[in-house]
Amino acid sequence: MAAQPQPQPVATFSSREFAHDLANVKRAAQKGPVFITDRGRPTYALMKIEDFRRLSNSGAPPQSLLDVMDSLPATGGIEFEPTRLEGVVNPADLDD
């Protein structure tokens, strides 16, 4: 049985840190994905080109967003069960 790949650490840098210390950000990207934040919220992701090509499956059929998210190494074991929004969205009335 093949060994499971270890989850890659996700480093986070503010946009200011990214602009002022690109060398450190690039070193972090060698170890795993890097999130760049703007006002505390992730806005960009930086990764090695090899990882990007593996995720984009060049030449392969397109994947759903869920498939891509499931394939990210740092997302293993995350459960997501959205709550139902009862009464918030009404069906469209197309009989007019």
C-alpha atoms as a PDB file:
ATOM      1  CA  MET A   1       0.000   0.000   0.000  1.00  0.00           C
ATOM      2  CA  ALA A   2       1.377   3.424  -0.973  1.00  0.00           C
ATOM      3  CA  ALA A   3       1.979   5.960   1.768  1.00  0.00           C
ATOM      4  CA  GLN A   4      -0.510   8.824   1.950  1.00  0.00           C
ATOM      5  CA  PRO A   5       1.023  12.221   1.132  1.00  0.00           C
ATOM      6  CA  GLN A   6       1.437  14.439   4.164  1.00  0.00           C
ATOM      7  CA  PRO A   7      -0.708  17.601   4.221  1.00  0.00           C
ATOM      8  CA  GLN A   8       1.287  20.628   3.210  1.00  0.00           C
ATOM      9  CA  PRO A   9       1.398  23.538   5.653  1.00  0.00           C
ATOM     10  CA  VAL A  10      -0.463  26.670   4.560  1.00  0.00           C
ATOM     11  CA  ALA A  11       1.430  29.887   5.286  1.00  0.00           C
ATOM     12  CA  THR A  12      -0.424  33.185   5.445  1.00  0.00           C
ATOM     13  CA  PHE A  13       1.022  36.629   4.682  1.00  0.00           C
ATOM     14  CA  SER A  14      -0.629  40.009   4.585  1.00  0.00           C
ATOM     15  CA  SER A  15      -0.446  41.912   1.312  1.00  0.00           C
ATOM     16  CA  ARG A  16       1.981  44.292   3.025  1.00  0.00           C
ATOM     17  CA  GLU A  17       4.261  41.409   4.086  1.00  0.00           C
ATOM     18  CA  PHE A  18       4.044  40.010   0.561  1.00  0.00           C
ATOM     19  CA  ALA A  19       5.132  43.331  -0.965  1.00  0.00           C
ATOM     20  CA  HIS A  20       7.977  43.899   1.491  1.00  0.00           C
ATOM     21  CA  ASP A  21       9.390  40.375   1.876  1.00  0.00           C
ATOM     22  CA  LEU A  22       8.819  38.474  -1.357  1.00  0.00           C
ATOM     23  CA  ALA A  23      11.853  36.257  -0.773  1.00  0.00           C
ATOM     24  CA  ASN A  24      10.361  34.927   2.472  1.00  0.00           C
ATOM     25  CA  VAL A  25       6.982  34.349   0.793  1.00  0.00           C
ATOM     26  CA  LYS A  26       8.664  32.410  -2.036  1.00  0.00           C
ATOM     27  CA  ARG A  27      10.527  30.255   0.520  1.00  0.00           C
ATOM     28  CA  ALA A  28       7.220  29.487   2.226  1.00  0.00           C
ATOM     29  CA  ALA A  29       5.667  28.558  -1.151  1.00  0.00           C
ATOM     30  CA  GLN A  30       8.388  25.915  -1.615  1.00  0.00           C
ATOM     31  CA  LYS A  31       6.922  24.128   1.441  1.00  0.00           C
ATOM     32  CA  GLY A  32       3.243  24.469   0.540  1.00  0.00           C
ATOM     33  CA  PRO A  33       0.481  26.850  -0.502  1.00  0.00           C
ATOM     34  CA  VAL A  34       0.647  30.471   0.619  1.00  0.00           C
ATOM     35  CA  PHE A  35      -2.416  32.621   1.266  1.00  0.00           C
ATOM     36  CA  ILE A  36      -2.107  36.376   0.745  1.00  0.00           C
ATOM     37  CA  THR A  37      -4.590  38.352   2.815  1.00  0.00           C
ATOM     38  CA  ASP A  38      -6.098  41.782   2.330  1.00  0.00           C
ATOM     39  CA  ARG A  39      -7.550  43.321   5.485  1.00  0.00           C
ATOM     40  CA  GLY A  40      -7.313  39.952   7.216  1.00  0.00           C
ATOM     41  CA  ARG A  41      -9.201  37.972   4.562  1.00  0.00           C
ATOM     42  CA  PRO A  42      -7.511  35.531   2.148  1.00  0.00           C
ATOM     43  CA  THR A  43      -7.619  37.025  -1.356  1.00  0.00           C
ATOM     44  CA  TYR A  44      -4.898  35.177  -3.286  1.00  0.00           C
ATOM     45  CA  ALA A  45      -3.148  31.818  -3.197  1.00  0.00           C
ATOM     46  CA  LEU A  46       0.456  31.284  -4.277  1.00  0.00           C
ATOM     47  CA  MET A  47       1.861  27.848  -5.070  1.00  0.00           C
ATOM     48  CA  LYS A  48       4.657  26.158  -6.970  1.00  0.00           C
ATOM     49  CA  ILE A  49       3.965  25.795 -10.678  1.00  0.00           C
ATOM     50  CA  GLU A  50       4.270  21.995 -10.370  1.00  0.00           C
ATOM     51  CA  ASP A  51       1.451  21.984  -7.799  1.00  0.00           C
ATOM     52  CA  PHE A  52      -0.665  24.262  -9.987  1.00  0.00           C
ATOM     53  CA  ARG A  53      -0.204  22.013 -13.013  1.00  0.00           C
ATOM     54  CA  ARG A  54      -1.057  18.939 -10.963  1.00  0.00           C
ATOM     55  CA  LEU A  55      -4.230  20.626  -9.673  1.00  0.00           C
ATOM     56  CA  SER A  56      -5.232  21.990 -13.065  1.00  0.00           C
ATOM     57  CA  ASN A  57      -4.822  18.553 -14.688  1.00  0.00           C
ATOM     58  CA  SER A  58      -3.566  19.987 -17.977  1.00  0.00           C
ATOM     59  CA  GLY A  59      -5.370  18.187 -20.784  1.00  0.00           C
ATOM     60  CA  ALA A  60      -7.693  16.306 -18.422  1.00  0.00           C
ATOM     61  CA  PRO A  61     -11.443  16.878 -18.314  1.00  0.00           C
ATOM     62  CA  PRO A  62     -12.489  19.781 -16.072  1.00  0.00           C
ATOM     63  CA  GLN A  63     -13.182  19.025 -12.418  1.00  0.00           C
ATOM     64  CA  SER A  64     -15.914  20.435 -10.247  1.00  0.00           C
ATOM     65  CA  LEU A  65     -14.962  22.912  -7.534  1.00  0.00           C
ATOM     66  CA  LEU A  66     -15.727  20.221  -4.949  1.00  0.00           C
ATOM     67  CA  ASP A  67     -13.330  17.787  -6.664  1.00  0.00           C
ATOM     68  CA  VAL A  68     -10.578  20.404  -6.712  1.00  0.00           C
ATOM     69  CA  MET A  69     -11.125  21.331  -3.067  1.00  0.00           C
ATOM     70  CA  ASP A  70     -11.078  17.641  -2.082  1.00  0.00           C
ATOM     71  CA  SER A  71      -7.752  17.198  -3.886  1.00  0.00           C
ATOM     72  CA  LEU A  72      -5.973  19.996  -1.985  1.00  0.00           C
ATOM     73  CA  PRO A  73      -3.550  18.424   0.491  1.00  0.00           C
ATOM     74  CA  ALA A  74      -4.292  20.775   3.392  1.00  0.00           C
ATOM     75  CA  THR A  75      -8.066  20.145   3.301  1.00  0.00           C
ATOM     76  CA  GLY A  76      -8.149  16.513   4.366  1.00  0.00           C
ATOM     77  CA  GLY A  77     -10.615  15.732   7.119  1.00  0.00           C
ATOM     78  CA  ILE A  78     -12.624  18.938   6.803  1.00  0.00           C
ATOM     79  CA  GLU A  79     -16.358  18.287   7.019  1.00  0.00           C
ATOM     80  CA  PHE A  80     -18.726  20.767   5.397  1.00  0.00           C
ATOM     81  CA  GLU A  81     -22.459  20.532   5.874  1.00  0.00           C
ATOM     82  CA  PRO A  82     -24.160  23.813   4.965  1.00  0.00           C
ATOM     83  CA  THR A  83     -27.306  24.723   6.833  1.00  0.00           C
ATOM     84  CA  ARG A  84     -30.525  24.805   4.855  1.00  0.00           C
ATOM     85  CA  LEU A  85     -31.945  28.275   4.278  1.00  0.00           C
ATOM     86  CA  GLU A  86     -35.627  27.590   4.799  1.00  0.00           C
ATOM     87  CA  GLY A  87     -37.882  30.404   3.631  1.00  0.00           C
ATOM     88  CA  VAL A  88     -35.029  32.662   2.518  1.00  0.00           C
ATOM     89  CA  VAL A  89     -35.178  31.783  -1.175  1.00  0.00           C
ATOM     90  CA  ASN A  90     -38.586  31.542  -2.792  1.00  0.00           C
ATOM     91  CA  PRO A  91     -39.153  29.648  -6.036  1.00  0.00           C
ATOM     92  CA  ALA A  92     -39.638  31.766  -9.150  1.00  0.00           C
ATOM     93  CA  ASP A  93     -43.196  32.193 -10.388  1.00  0.00           C
ATOM     94  CA  LEU A  94     -43.003  31.658 -14.168  1.00  0.00           C
ATOM     95  CA  ASP A  95     -46.773  31.663 -14.808  1.00  0.00           C
ATOM     96  CA  ASP A  96     -47.037  35.437 -15.516  1.00  0.00           C
END
